[in-house]
Amino acid sequence: MQLQQMQNEAKEQELMLKEAEMDLQRYKIDADNQTKIAVAEISTYRGTEDKDINMNDIPDPMEIAKDATQQRKIDSEAYTKRYEARQKKEIEDKKISLAKEQMKHESEL
């Protein structure tokens, strides 16, 4: 019975690892796509480096690149927070599940 429990725990850990790997792949794909969008936006303004429509002494392409970088940072931080929250929840759920199983086994004894 303990062997079966250990096998189930190993399978759960393996599934959690696979899910984490899938999340990482999704994150990489999203980051690559965001980078491609930023590159496309920046390349649109190629040749206009000296233009400053709002006359604030900062070239407009630099302002756009800065905004894009800030947005990527915000998106990355949000993803990291969601991922950490999900991991913490999974750990807490696993602890609760193990505690329930332990109480069940103790009551059976």
Protein backbone atom coordinates (compact mmCIF):
# COMPACT_ATOMS: atom_id res chain seq x y z
CA MET A 1 0.00 0.00 0.00
CA GLN A 2 2.84 2.34 0.84
CA LEU A 3 4.53 1.36 -2.40
CA GLN A 4 1.41 2.30 -4.34
CA GLN A 5 1.22 5.60 -2.48
CA MET A 6 4.86 6.34 -3.31
CA GLN A 7 4.24 5.49 -6.97
CA ASN A 8 1.24 7.83 -7.04
CA GLU A 9 3.31 10.61 -5.51
CA ALA A 10 6.05 10.05 -8.08
CA LYS A 11 3.50 10.22 -10.90
CA GLU A 12 2.05 13.45 -9.47
CA GLN A 13 5.51 14.97 -9.28
CA GLU A 14 6.21 13.92 -12.85
CA LEU A 15 2.96 15.52 -14.01
CA MET A 16 3.78 18.73 -12.13
CA LEU A 17 7.20 18.80 -13.78
CA LYS A 18 5.68 18.33 -17.24
CA GLU A 19 3.19 21.12 -16.57
CA ALA A 20 6.01 23.40 -15.43
CA GLU A 21 7.94 22.60 -18.60
CA MET A 22 4.87 23.41 -20.70
CA ASP A 23 4.45 26.71 -18.86
CA LEU A 24 8.08 27.54 -19.53
CA GLN A 25 7.65 26.74 -23.23
CA ARG A 26 4.55 28.97 -23.37
CA TYR A 27 6.50 31.73 -21.67
CA LYS A 28 9.37 31.40 -24.15
CA ILE A 29 6.98 31.49 -27.10
CA ASP A 30 5.19 34.55 -25.71
CA ALA A 31 8.50 36.30 -25.03
CA ASP A 32 9.73 35.52 -28.56
CA ASN A 33 6.51 36.86 -30.03
CA GLN A 34 6.75 40.03 -27.96
CA THR A 35 10.34 40.50 -29.08
CA LYS A 36 9.34 40.05 -32.74
CA ILE A 37 6.59 42.65 -32.31
CA ALA A 38 9.00 45.07 -30.66
CA VAL A 39 11.55 44.58 -33.44
CA ALA A 40 8.88 45.20 -36.05
CA GLU A 41 7.75 48.35 -34.27
CA ILE A 42 11.29 49.64 -33.96
CA SER A 43 12.16 48.81 -37.56
CA THR A 44 9.14 50.83 -38.66
CA TYR A 45 10.84 53.90 -37.28
CA ARG A 46 14.22 53.17 -38.84
CA GLY A 47 15.53 56.28 -40.52
CA THR A 48 13.51 58.54 -38.28
CA GLU A 49 15.98 58.53 -35.40
CA ASP A 50 16.29 62.30 -35.36
CA LYS A 51 12.56 63.03 -35.47
CA ASP A 52 10.97 64.40 -32.32
CA ILE A 53 7.35 65.32 -32.97
CA ASN A 54 6.55 66.34 -29.39
CA MET A 55 9.78 68.36 -29.09
CA ASN A 56 10.89 66.93 -25.75
CA ASP A 57 14.49 66.35 -26.88
CA ILE A 58 13.98 62.56 -26.88
CA PRO A 59 13.73 60.99 -30.35
CA ASP A 60 10.31 59.35 -30.80
CA PRO A 61 11.68 55.87 -31.68
CA MET A 62 13.57 55.89 -28.37
CA GLU A 63 10.35 56.68 -26.52
CA ILE A 64 8.53 53.86 -28.32
CA ALA A 65 11.33 51.38 -27.56
CA LYS A 66 11.35 52.42 -23.91
CA ASP A 67 7.58 51.95 -23.67
CA ALA A 68 7.80 48.54 -25.35
CA THR A 69 10.55 47.47 -22.96
CA GLN A 70 8.53 48.57 -19.96
CA GLN A 71 5.49 46.68 -21.23
CA ARG A 72 7.53 43.50 -21.70
CA LYS A 73 8.87 43.87 -18.17
CA ILE A 74 5.35 44.29 -16.78
CA ASP A 75 4.12 41.25 -18.73
CA SER A 76 7.06 39.17 -17.55
CA GLU A 77 6.53 40.13 -13.91
CA ALA A 78 2.81 39.37 -14.17
CA TYR A 79 3.55 35.94 -15.65
CA THR A 80 6.10 35.22 -12.94
CA LYS A 81 3.62 36.15 -10.21
CA ARG A 82 0.89 33.97 -11.73
CA TYR A 83 3.33 31.07 -12.08
CA GLU A 84 4.57 31.39 -8.50
CA ALA A 85 1.02 31.62 -7.18
CA ARG A 86 0.03 28.49 -9.09
CA GLN A 87 3.09 26.63 -7.80
CA LYS A 88 2.34 27.67 -4.21
CA LYS A 89 -1.27 26.57 -4.61
CA GLU A 90 -0.19 23.19 -5.97
CA ILE A 91 2.20 22.72 -3.07
CA GLU A 92 -0.51 23.63 -0.55
CA ASP A 93 -2.99 21.30 -2.27
CA LYS A 94 -0.44 18.50 -2.16
CA LYS A 95 0.20 19.13 1.55
CA ILE A 96 -3.52 19.00 2.24
CA SER A 97 -3.89 15.84 0.19
CA LEU A 98 -1.01 14.17 2.01
CA ALA A 99 -2.42 15.22 5.38
CA LYS A 100 -5.82 13.75 4.43
CA GLU A 101 -4.19 10.51 3.32
CA GLN A 102 -2.19 10.36 6.52
CA MET A 103 -5.31 10.86 8.64
CA LYS A 104 -7.11 8.20 6.58
CA HIS A 105 -4.29 5.71 7.13
CA GLU A 106 -4.15 6.50 10.84
CA SER A 107 -7.89 5.99 11.18
CA GLU A 108 -7.64 2.66 9.34
CA LEU A 109 -4.94 1.50 11.76
